[in-house]
């Protein structure tokens, strides 16, 4: 697959010999090594969860378009059922590219293709942790534009293709500037801006800004789940209260007790009205 443009090279991003800057090759492995004590347990737990809850491989592999239009195979945790259809996603992506609507994911509105817990992994970006392999292989960086699919790349105009002047990354300026709240054109603008102004300081800033964004996503996802549970609980209580009450037996002065507090109060009244010494002195 050939790149649609060959003369839009950013002198600020490329080193004189036309390769990825040396500082990026040093910074990325160093950050990964420092984060290994946290990364390894998380990766193992996610892999075990996927293996136990769904059929198929733990990892998902897909061809993506990377640095200057070079195709490569990306690694992700599998969050969908095996052989899930992709036609709907391609059509949805085309609509996003040709409109000004925010780039929300399909699964934000519910997606039957997802495995249990897959939506949480995708919303928090934890499904992308295996891409650290791509970083160590030099195909990606920790910071950079998200690698596009071959289908998306085929729809690019020459201006869109300028985002490929930067090595693709796990996080980037788009991810920490609004991500799914921004349109496709806004994403392109942010990616091109990063390609033209890439530096050690900018990469470190984006990495630091990624953590609050990630925690906010986790909190948002948990809040939605709690809201669903609370809503279900209210519906359950309402359905219980709407049940017909048991009729009282003839001559009975008692009625069914609906909760513990009411039961205690009723028992107290019964004892005080009887000959039983309750221990209360008037």
C-alpha atoms as a PDB file:
ATOM      1  CA  UNK A   1       0.000   0.000   0.000  1.00  0.00           C
ATOM      2  CA  UNK A   2       1.492   3.290  -1.131  1.00  0.00           C
ATOM      3  CA  UNK A   3       1.218   6.547   0.752  1.00  0.00           C
ATOM      4  CA  UNK A   4      -0.912   9.142  -0.983  1.00  0.00           C
ATOM      5  CA  UNK A   5       1.571  11.916  -0.269  1.00  0.00           C
ATOM      6  CA  UNK A   6       5.346  11.878  -0.261  1.00  0.00           C
ATOM      7  CA  UNK A   7       6.284  15.548  -0.009  1.00  0.00           C
ATOM      8  CA  UNK A   8       4.626  16.585   3.256  1.00  0.00           C
ATOM      9  CA  UNK A   9       7.511  15.712   5.568  1.00  0.00           C
ATOM     10  CA  UNK A  10       7.629  17.628   8.831  1.00  0.00           C
ATOM     11  CA  UNK A  11      11.184  18.794   9.455  1.00  0.00           C
ATOM     12  CA  UNK A  12      10.379  19.292  13.146  1.00  0.00           C
ATOM     13  CA  UNK A  13       9.469  15.655  13.617  1.00  0.00           C
ATOM     14  CA  UNK A  14      12.016  13.833  11.475  1.00  0.00           C
ATOM     15  CA  UNK A  15      15.704  13.811  12.238  1.00  0.00           C
ATOM     16  CA  UNK A  16      18.106  14.745   9.387  1.00  0.00           C
ATOM     17  CA  UNK A  17      18.474  11.126   8.229  1.00  0.00           C
ATOM     18  CA  UNK A  18      14.702  10.709   7.867  1.00  0.00           C
ATOM     19  CA  UNK A  19      14.116   8.255  10.728  1.00  0.00           C
ATOM     20  CA  UNK A  20      12.275   8.462  14.049  1.00  0.00           C
ATOM     21  CA  UNK A  21      14.172  10.714  16.497  1.00  0.00           C
ATOM     22  CA  UNK A  22      16.688   8.963  18.720  1.00  0.00           C
ATOM     23  CA  UNK A  23      15.125  10.369  21.911  1.00  0.00           C
ATOM     24  CA  UNK A  24      11.869   8.540  21.147  1.00  0.00           C
ATOM     25  CA  UNK A  25      13.686   5.211  20.806  1.00  0.00           C
ATOM     26  CA  UNK A  26      15.256   5.772  24.235  1.00  0.00           C
ATOM     27  CA  UNK A  27      12.280   7.267  26.098  1.00  0.00           C
ATOM     28  CA  UNK A  28       9.696   4.604  25.230  1.00  0.00           C
ATOM     29  CA  UNK A  29      11.623   1.494  26.422  1.00  0.00           C
ATOM     30  CA  UNK A  30      12.752   3.339  29.545  1.00  0.00           C
ATOM     31  CA  UNK A  31       9.165   4.212  30.534  1.00  0.00           C
ATOM     32  CA  UNK A  32       8.005   0.640  29.852  1.00  0.00           C
ATOM     33  CA  UNK A  33      10.743  -0.864  32.035  1.00  0.00           C
ATOM     34  CA  UNK A  34       9.908   1.506  34.902  1.00  0.00           C
ATOM     35  CA  UNK A  35       6.203   0.631  34.659  1.00  0.00           C
ATOM     36  CA  UNK A  36       6.646  -3.160  34.428  1.00  0.00           C
ATOM     37  CA  UNK A  37       5.816  -3.838  38.134  1.00  0.00           C
ATOM     38  CA  UNK A  38       2.361  -2.369  37.503  1.00  0.00           C
ATOM     39  CA  UNK A  39       1.860  -3.503  33.908  1.00  0.00           C
ATOM     40  CA  UNK A  40       2.662  -7.214  34.343  1.00  0.00           C
ATOM     41  CA  UNK A  41       0.023  -8.022  37.029  1.00  0.00           C
ATOM     42  CA  UNK A  42      -2.662  -6.079  35.157  1.00  0.00           C
ATOM     43  CA  UNK A  43      -1.869  -7.815  31.860  1.00  0.00           C
ATOM     44  CA  UNK A  44      -1.923 -11.260  33.492  1.00  0.00           C
ATOM     45  CA  UNK A  45      -5.264 -10.601  35.219  1.00  0.00           C
ATOM     46  CA  UNK A  46      -6.904  -9.357  32.011  1.00  0.00           C
ATOM     47  CA  UNK A  47      -5.540 -12.309  30.014  1.00  0.00           C
ATOM     48  CA  UNK A  48      -6.820 -14.774  32.625  1.00  0.00           C
ATOM     49  CA  UNK A  49     -10.230 -13.115  32.700  1.00  0.00           C
ATOM     50  CA  UNK A  50     -10.637 -13.275  28.907  1.00  0.00           C
ATOM     51  CA  UNK A  51      -9.532 -16.915  28.840  1.00  0.00           C
ATOM     52  CA  UNK A  52     -12.013 -17.920  31.535  1.00  0.00           C
ATOM     53  CA  UNK A  53     -15.021 -15.977  30.265  1.00  0.00           C
ATOM     54  CA  UNK A  54     -14.925 -16.436  26.496  1.00  0.00           C
ATOM     55  CA  UNK A  55     -13.906 -18.880  23.818  1.00  0.00           C
ATOM     56  CA  UNK A  56     -10.961 -18.058  21.572  1.00  0.00           C
ATOM     57  CA  UNK A  57      -7.539 -16.453  21.690  1.00  0.00           C
ATOM     58  CA  UNK A  58      -6.646 -13.910  24.368  1.00  0.00           C
ATOM     59  CA  UNK A  59      -5.013 -11.582  21.829  1.00  0.00           C
ATOM     60  CA  UNK A  60      -6.568  -9.978  18.775  1.00  0.00           C
ATOM     61  CA  UNK A  61      -4.391  -9.191  15.751  1.00  0.00           C
ATOM     62  CA  UNK A  62      -5.287  -6.737  13.023  1.00  0.00           C
ATOM     63  CA  UNK A  63      -3.444  -4.973  10.212  1.00  0.00           C
ATOM     64  CA  UNK A  64      -3.122  -1.231  10.744  1.00  0.00           C
ATOM     65  CA  UNK A  65      -1.469   1.590   8.836  1.00  0.00           C
ATOM     66  CA  UNK A  66       1.474   3.132  10.640  1.00  0.00           C
ATOM     67  CA  UNK A  67       4.402   5.457  10.085  1.00  0.00           C
ATOM     68  CA  UNK A  68       4.270   6.961   6.572  1.00  0.00           C
ATOM     69  CA  UNK A  69       1.692   4.446   5.386  1.00  0.00           C
ATOM     70  CA  UNK A  70       3.611   1.318   6.359  1.00  0.00           C
ATOM     71  CA  UNK A  71       1.247  -1.569   7.279  1.00  0.00           C
ATOM     72  CA  UNK A  72       1.920  -3.576  10.433  1.00  0.00           C
ATOM     73  CA  UNK A  73       0.084  -6.023  12.696  1.00  0.00           C
ATOM     74  CA  UNK A  74      -1.290  -4.521  15.891  1.00  0.00           C
ATOM     75  CA  UNK A  75      -1.908  -6.483  19.113  1.00  0.00           C
ATOM     76  CA  UNK A  76      -4.888  -5.972  21.423  1.00  0.00           C
ATOM     77  CA  UNK A  77      -6.743  -7.931  24.060  1.00  0.00           C
ATOM     78  CA  UNK A  78      -9.710  -9.577  22.385  1.00  0.00           C
ATOM     79  CA  UNK A  79     -12.900  -7.859  23.544  1.00  0.00           C
ATOM     80  CA  UNK A  80     -15.305  -9.321  20.973  1.00  0.00           C
ATOM     81  CA  UNK A  81     -16.615 -12.757  20.212  1.00  0.00           C
ATOM     82  CA  UNK A  82     -14.681 -14.833  17.689  1.00  0.00           C
ATOM     83  CA  UNK A  83     -15.536 -14.036  14.035  1.00  0.00           C
ATOM     84  CA  UNK A  84     -17.622 -11.005  14.984  1.00  0.00           C
ATOM     85  CA  UNK A  85     -18.807  -9.100  11.858  1.00  0.00           C
ATOM     86  CA  UNK A  86     -17.085  -5.783  11.044  1.00  0.00           C
ATOM     87  CA  UNK A  87     -19.330  -4.405   8.278  1.00  0.00           C
ATOM     88  CA  UNK A  88     -21.344  -2.344  10.718  1.00  0.00           C
ATOM     89  CA  UNK A  89     -18.208  -0.775  12.172  1.00  0.00           C
ATOM     90  CA  UNK A  90     -16.905   0.238   8.740  1.00  0.00           C
ATOM     91  CA  UNK A  91     -20.191   1.929   7.880  1.00  0.00           C
ATOM     92  CA  UNK A  92     -20.268   3.691  11.260  1.00  0.00           C
ATOM     93  CA  UNK A  93     -16.684   4.907  10.755  1.00  0.00           C
ATOM     94  CA  UNK A  94     -17.534   6.250   7.316  1.00  0.00           C
ATOM     95  CA  UNK A  95     -20.412   8.250   8.807  1.00  0.00           C
ATOM     96  CA  UNK A  96     -18.109   9.738  11.449  1.00  0.00           C
ATOM     97  CA  UNK A  97     -15.498  10.710   8.859  1.00  0.00           C
ATOM     98  CA  UNK A  98     -18.081  12.550   6.758  1.00  0.00           C
ATOM     99  CA  UNK A  99     -19.781  14.424   9.576  1.00  0.00           C
ATOM    100  CA  UNK A 100     -19.040  16.735  12.482  1.00  0.00           C
ATOM    101  CA  UNK A 101     -20.506  14.431  15.136  1.00  0.00           C
ATOM    102  CA  UNK A 102     -18.334  13.231  18.065  1.00  0.00           C
ATOM    103  CA  UNK A 103     -16.359  10.038  17.503  1.00  0.00           C
ATOM    104  CA  UNK A 104     -18.197   7.933  20.062  1.00  0.00           C
ATOM    105  CA  UNK A 105     -17.622   4.193  19.938  1.00  0.00           C
ATOM    106  CA  UNK A 106     -20.336   1.840  18.760  1.00  0.00           C
ATOM    107  CA  UNK A 107     -20.256  -0.050  22.052  1.00  0.00           C
ATOM    108  CA  UNK A 108     -21.174   3.117  23.975  1.00  0.00           C
ATOM    109  CA  UNK A 109     -24.741   2.439  22.818  1.00  0.00           C
ATOM    110  CA  UNK A 110     -24.503  -1.312  23.279  1.00  0.00           C
ATOM    111  CA  UNK A 111     -22.778  -3.830  21.029  1.00  0.00           C
ATOM    112  CA  UNK A 112     -23.751  -7.500  20.950  1.00  0.00           C
ATOM    113  CA  UNK A 113     -20.336  -8.393  19.520  1.00  0.00           C
ATOM    114  CA  UNK A 114     -18.608  -7.644  22.843  1.00  0.00           C
ATOM    115  CA  UNK A 115     -17.728 -10.320  25.361  1.00  0.00           C
ATOM    116  CA  UNK A 116     -18.671  -9.853  29.001  1.00  0.00           C
ATOM    117  CA  UNK A 117     -16.508  -7.041  30.374  1.00  0.00           C
ATOM    118  CA  UNK A 118     -15.298  -6.110  26.892  1.00  0.00           C
ATOM    119  CA  UNK A 119     -16.963  -2.720  27.020  1.00  0.00           C
ATOM    120  CA  UNK A 120     -15.096  -1.813  30.197  1.00  0.00           C
ATOM    121  CA  UNK A 121     -11.730  -2.834  28.711  1.00  0.00           C
ATOM    122  CA  UNK A 122     -12.367  -0.789  25.577  1.00  0.00           C
ATOM    123  CA  UNK A 123     -13.687   2.271  27.403  1.00  0.00           C
ATOM    124  CA  UNK A 124     -10.652   2.406  29.693  1.00  0.00           C
ATOM    125  CA  UNK A 125      -8.096   1.542  26.993  1.00  0.00           C
ATOM    126  CA  UNK A 126      -6.853  -1.494  28.918  1.00  0.00           C
ATOM    127  CA  UNK A 127      -7.430  -3.636  25.842  1.00  0.00           C
ATOM    128  CA  UNK A 128      -4.524  -1.788  24.186  1.00  0.00           C
ATOM    129  CA  UNK A 129      -1.834  -2.829  26.682  1.00  0.00           C
ATOM    130  CA  UNK A 130      -0.508  -5.606  24.356  1.00  0.00           C
ATOM    131  CA  UNK A 131       0.516  -2.828  21.970  1.00  0.00           C
ATOM    132  CA  UNK A 132       3.549  -2.386  24.191  1.00  0.00           C
ATOM    133  CA  UNK A 133       4.874  -5.258  22.056  1.00  0.00           C
ATOM    134  CA  UNK A 134       4.475  -3.036  18.991  1.00  0.00           C
ATOM    135  CA  UNK A 135       6.304  -0.239  20.816  1.00  0.00           C
ATOM    136  CA  UNK A 136       9.264  -2.481  21.655  1.00  0.00           C
ATOM    137  CA  UNK A 137       9.338  -3.672  18.049  1.00  0.00           C
ATOM    138  CA  UNK A 138       9.609  -0.065  16.844  1.00  0.00           C
ATOM    139  CA  UNK A 139       6.256  -0.098  15.021  1.00  0.00           C
ATOM    140  CA  UNK A 140       4.606   2.247  17.514  1.00  0.00           C
ATOM    141  CA  UNK A 141       5.439   4.719  20.257  1.00  0.00           C
ATOM    142  CA  UNK A 142       3.874   5.345  23.646  1.00  0.00           C
ATOM    143  CA  UNK A 143       2.702   8.733  22.333  1.00  0.00           C
ATOM    144  CA  UNK A 144       1.415   9.427  18.851  1.00  0.00           C
ATOM    145  CA  UNK A 145      -1.704   9.324  16.636  1.00  0.00           C
ATOM    146  CA  UNK A 146      -3.816   6.182  16.835  1.00  0.00           C
ATOM    147  CA  UNK A 147      -2.971   3.772  13.975  1.00  0.00           C
ATOM    148  CA  UNK A 148      -5.820   3.696  11.480  1.00  0.00           C
ATOM    149  CA  UNK A 149      -7.310   0.673   9.768  1.00  0.00           C
ATOM    150  CA  UNK A 150      -6.725  -0.046   6.090  1.00  0.00           C
ATOM    151  CA  UNK A 151     -10.374   0.803   5.384  1.00  0.00           C
ATOM    152  CA  UNK A 152     -10.053   4.189   7.103  1.00  0.00           C
ATOM    153  CA  UNK A 153      -6.787   4.929   5.300  1.00  0.00           C
ATOM    154  CA  UNK A 154      -8.434   4.360   1.917  1.00  0.00           C
ATOM    155  CA  UNK A 155     -10.862   7.192   2.692  1.00  0.00           C
ATOM    156  CA  UNK A 156      -8.116   9.701   3.583  1.00  0.00           C
ATOM    157  CA  UNK A 157      -7.534  12.892   1.651  1.00  0.00           C
ATOM    158  CA  UNK A 158      -3.915  14.145   1.266  1.00  0.00           C
ATOM    159  CA  UNK A 159      -4.477  16.445   4.244  1.00  0.00           C
ATOM    160  CA  UNK A 160      -5.679  13.550   6.435  1.00  0.00           C
ATOM    161  CA  UNK A 161      -2.592  11.548   5.514  1.00  0.00           C
ATOM    162  CA  UNK A 162      -0.342  14.103   7.194  1.00  0.00           C
ATOM    163  CA  UNK A 163      -1.142  12.473  10.544  1.00  0.00           C
ATOM    164  CA  UNK A 164       0.973   9.536   9.366  1.00  0.00           C
ATOM    165  CA  UNK A 165       4.090  11.696   9.593  1.00  0.00           C
ATOM    166  CA  UNK A 166       4.256  10.726  13.271  1.00  0.00           C
ATOM    167  CA  UNK A 167       4.877   7.259  14.654  1.00  0.00           C
ATOM    168  CA  UNK A 168       1.508   5.881  15.876  1.00  0.00           C
ATOM    169  CA  UNK A 169       1.055   5.622  19.630  1.00  0.00           C
ATOM    170  CA  UNK A 170      -0.997   4.187  22.493  1.00  0.00           C
ATOM    171  CA  UNK A 171      -1.988   7.623  23.723  1.00  0.00           C
ATOM    172  CA  UNK A 172      -1.780  11.010  22.115  1.00  0.00           C
ATOM    173  CA  UNK A 173      -2.878  14.613  21.978  1.00  0.00           C
ATOM    174  CA  UNK A 174      -6.334  13.626  20.726  1.00  0.00           C
ATOM    175  CA  UNK A 175      -6.874  11.145  23.576  1.00  0.00           C
ATOM    176  CA  UNK A 176      -6.126  13.723  26.289  1.00  0.00           C
ATOM    177  CA  UNK A 177      -7.970  16.600  24.593  1.00  0.00           C
ATOM    178  CA  UNK A 178     -11.474  15.187  24.519  1.00  0.00           C
ATOM    179  CA  UNK A 179     -11.189  12.020  22.399  1.00  0.00           C
ATOM    180  CA  UNK A 180     -14.749  10.724  21.858  1.00  0.00           C
ATOM    181  CA  UNK A 181     -16.171  14.210  22.362  1.00  0.00           C
ATOM    182  CA  UNK A 182     -14.319  15.489  19.274  1.00  0.00           C
ATOM    183  CA  UNK A 183     -15.087  15.065  15.588  1.00  0.00           C
ATOM    184  CA  UNK A 184     -12.929  13.270  13.029  1.00  0.00           C
ATOM    185  CA  UNK A 185     -11.619  16.547  11.591  1.00  0.00           C
ATOM    186  CA  UNK A 186     -10.664  17.771  15.066  1.00  0.00           C
ATOM    187  CA  UNK A 187      -8.774  14.537  15.662  1.00  0.00           C
ATOM    188  CA  UNK A 188      -6.849  15.049  12.409  1.00  0.00           C
ATOM    189  CA  UNK A 189      -5.937  18.600  13.414  1.00  0.00           C
ATOM    190  CA  UNK A 190      -4.593  17.464  16.792  1.00  0.00           C
ATOM    191  CA  UNK A 191      -2.610  14.598  15.232  1.00  0.00           C
ATOM    192  CA  UNK A 192      -1.007  16.891  12.655  1.00  0.00           C
ATOM    193  CA  UNK A 193      -0.184  19.401  15.384  1.00  0.00           C
ATOM    194  CA  UNK A 194       1.570  16.641  17.333  1.00  0.00           C
ATOM    195  CA  UNK A 195       3.510  15.496  14.249  1.00  0.00           C
ATOM    196  CA  UNK A 196       4.766  19.036  13.704  1.00  0.00           C
ATOM    197  CA  UNK A 197       5.655  19.776  17.344  1.00  0.00           C
ATOM    198  CA  UNK A 198       6.760  16.415  18.728  1.00  0.00           C
ATOM    199  CA  UNK A 199       9.323  16.653  21.522  1.00  0.00           C
ATOM    200  CA  UNK A 200      10.423  14.915  24.724  1.00  0.00           C
ATOM    201  CA  UNK A 201       8.605  17.499  26.829  1.00  0.00           C
ATOM    202  CA  UNK A 202       5.360  17.177  24.842  1.00  0.00           C
ATOM    203  CA  UNK A 203       5.456  13.373  25.114  1.00  0.00           C
ATOM    204  CA  UNK A 204       5.939  13.532  28.880  1.00  0.00           C
ATOM    205  CA  UNK A 205       3.101  16.040  29.223  1.00  0.00           C
ATOM    206  CA  UNK A 206       0.738  13.789  27.263  1.00  0.00           C
ATOM    207  CA  UNK A 207       1.728  10.732  29.315  1.00  0.00           C
ATOM    208  CA  UNK A 208       1.011  12.568  32.575  1.00  0.00           C
ATOM    209  CA  UNK A 209      -2.320  13.846  31.276  1.00  0.00           C
ATOM    210  CA  UNK A 210      -3.308  10.318  30.227  1.00  0.00           C
ATOM    211  CA  UNK A 211      -3.656   9.023  33.799  1.00  0.00           C
ATOM    212  CA  UNK A 212      -6.379  11.476  34.928  1.00  0.00           C
ATOM    213  CA  UNK A 213      -8.252  10.781  31.693  1.00  0.00           C
ATOM    214  CA  UNK A 214      -7.975   7.026  32.291  1.00  0.00           C
ATOM    215  CA  UNK A 215      -9.178   7.293  35.907  1.00  0.00           C
ATOM    216  CA  UNK A 216     -12.083   9.477  34.795  1.00  0.00           C
ATOM    217  CA  UNK A 217     -13.091   6.821  32.257  1.00  0.00           C
ATOM    218  CA  UNK A 218     -12.990   4.117  34.934  1.00  0.00           C
ATOM    219  CA  UNK A 219     -15.072   6.262  37.308  1.00  0.00           C
ATOM    220  CA  UNK A 220     -17.570   7.044  34.550  1.00  0.00           C
ATOM    221  CA  UNK A 221     -17.929   3.380  33.657  1.00  0.00           C
ATOM    222  CA  UNK A 222     -18.403   2.342  37.297  1.00  0.00           C
ATOM    223  CA  UNK A 223     -20.951   5.135  37.820  1.00  0.00           C
ATOM    224  CA  UNK A 224     -22.993   3.896  34.858  1.00  0.00           C
ATOM    225  CA  UNK A 225     -22.877   0.348  36.202  1.00  0.00           C
ATOM    226  CA  UNK A 226     -23.934   1.526  39.685  1.00  0.00           C
ATOM    227  CA  UNK A 227     -26.777   3.531  38.157  1.00  0.00           C
ATOM    228  CA  UNK A 228     -28.039   0.429  36.340  1.00  0.00           C
ATOM    229  CA  UNK A 229     -27.881  -1.644  39.537  1.00  0.00           C
ATOM    230  CA  UNK A 230     -29.687   1.079  41.502  1.00  0.00           C
ATOM    231  CA  UNK A 231     -32.347   1.359  38.805  1.00  0.00           C
ATOM    232  CA  UNK A 232     -32.825  -2.416  38.824  1.00  0.00           C
ATOM    233  CA  UNK A 233     -33.096  -2.388  42.627  1.00  0.00           C
ATOM    234  CA  UNK A 234     -35.815   0.274  42.572  1.00  0.00           C
ATOM    235  CA  UNK A 235     -37.740  -1.649  39.923  1.00  0.00           C
ATOM    236  CA  UNK A 236     -37.475  -4.833  42.006  1.00  0.00           C
ATOM    237  CA  UNK A 237     -38.753  -3.095  45.154  1.00  0.00           C
ATOM    238  CA  UNK A 238     -41.615  -1.522  43.214  1.00  0.00           C
ATOM    239  CA  UNK A 239     -42.594  -4.905  41.806  1.00  0.00           C
ATOM    240  CA  UNK A 240     -42.576  -6.437  45.297  1.00  0.00           C
ATOM    241  CA  UNK A 241     -44.734  -3.686  46.740  1.00  0.00           C
ATOM    242  CA  UNK A 242     -47.234  -4.089  43.922  1.00  0.00           C
ATOM    243  CA  UNK A 243     -47.842  -7.743  44.831  1.00  0.00           C
ATOM    244  CA  UNK A 244     -51.276  -8.448  46.391  1.00  0.00           C
ATOM    245  CA  UNK A 245     -51.167  -8.735  50.175  1.00  0.00           C
ATOM    246  CA  UNK A 246     -52.216 -11.880  51.952  1.00  0.00           C
ATOM    247  CA  UNK A 247     -55.772 -11.577  53.323  1.00  0.00           C
ATOM    248  CA  UNK A 248     -56.134 -11.626  57.090  1.00  0.00           C
ATOM    249  CA  UNK A 249     -57.684 -14.646  58.689  1.00  0.00           C
ATOM    250  CA  UNK A 250     -61.113 -14.119  60.262  1.00  0.00           C
ATOM    251  CA  UNK A 251     -60.782 -12.711  63.764  1.00  0.00           C
ATOM    252  CA  UNK A 252     -57.086 -12.033  63.320  1.00  0.00           C
ATOM    253  CA  UNK A 253     -55.703  -8.667  64.425  1.00  0.00           C
ATOM    254  CA  UNK A 254     -52.339  -9.180  62.762  1.00  0.00           C
ATOM    255  CA  UNK A 255     -51.168  -8.320  59.271  1.00  0.00           C
ATOM    256  CA  UNK A 256     -48.043  -9.387  57.294  1.00  0.00           C
ATOM    257  CA  UNK A 257     -44.879  -7.597  58.391  1.00  0.00           C
ATOM    258  CA  UNK A 258     -42.919  -6.077  55.497  1.00  0.00           C
ATOM    259  CA  UNK A 259     -39.637  -5.213  57.182  1.00  0.00           C
ATOM    260  CA  UNK A 260     -37.538  -5.837  60.276  1.00  0.00           C
ATOM    261  CA  UNK A 261     -38.201  -2.433  61.840  1.00  0.00           C
ATOM    262  CA  UNK A 262     -41.941  -2.859  61.561  1.00  0.00           C
ATOM    263  CA  UNK A 263     -41.646  -6.368  62.992  1.00  0.00           C
ATOM    264  CA  UNK A 264     -39.789  -5.117  66.077  1.00  0.00           C
ATOM    265  CA  UNK A 265     -42.366  -2.378  66.696  1.00  0.00           C
ATOM    266  CA  UNK A 266     -45.241  -4.814  66.317  1.00  0.00           C
ATOM    267  CA  UNK A 267     -43.635  -7.300  68.690  1.00  0.00           C
ATOM    268  CA  UNK A 268     -43.133  -4.555  71.290  1.00  0.00           C
ATOM    269  CA  UNK A 269     -46.802  -3.548  71.110  1.00  0.00           C
ATOM    270  CA  UNK A 270     -47.919  -7.145  71.418  1.00  0.00           C
ATOM    271  CA  UNK A 271     -45.784  -7.732  74.505  1.00  0.00           C
ATOM    272  CA  UNK A 272     -46.835  -4.501  76.203  1.00  0.00           C
ATOM    273  CA  UNK A 273     -50.485  -5.319  75.629  1.00  0.00           C
ATOM    274  CA  UNK A 274     -50.066  -8.773  77.170  1.00  0.00           C
ATOM    275  CA  UNK A 275     -49.242  -9.954  80.648  1.00  0.00           C
ATOM    276  CA  UNK A 276     -45.576 -10.457  79.775  1.00  0.00           C
ATOM    277  CA  UNK A 277     -43.164  -8.324  81.769  1.00  0.00           C
ATOM    278  CA  UNK A 278     -41.194  -6.350  79.198  1.00  0.00           C
ATOM    279  CA  UNK A 279     -38.886  -4.826  81.755  1.00  0.00           C
ATOM    280  CA  UNK A 280     -40.254  -1.363  81.121  1.00  0.00           C
ATOM    281  CA  UNK A 281     -41.427   0.489  84.238  1.00  0.00           C
ATOM    282  CA  UNK A 282     -43.886   3.342  84.043  1.00  0.00           C
END
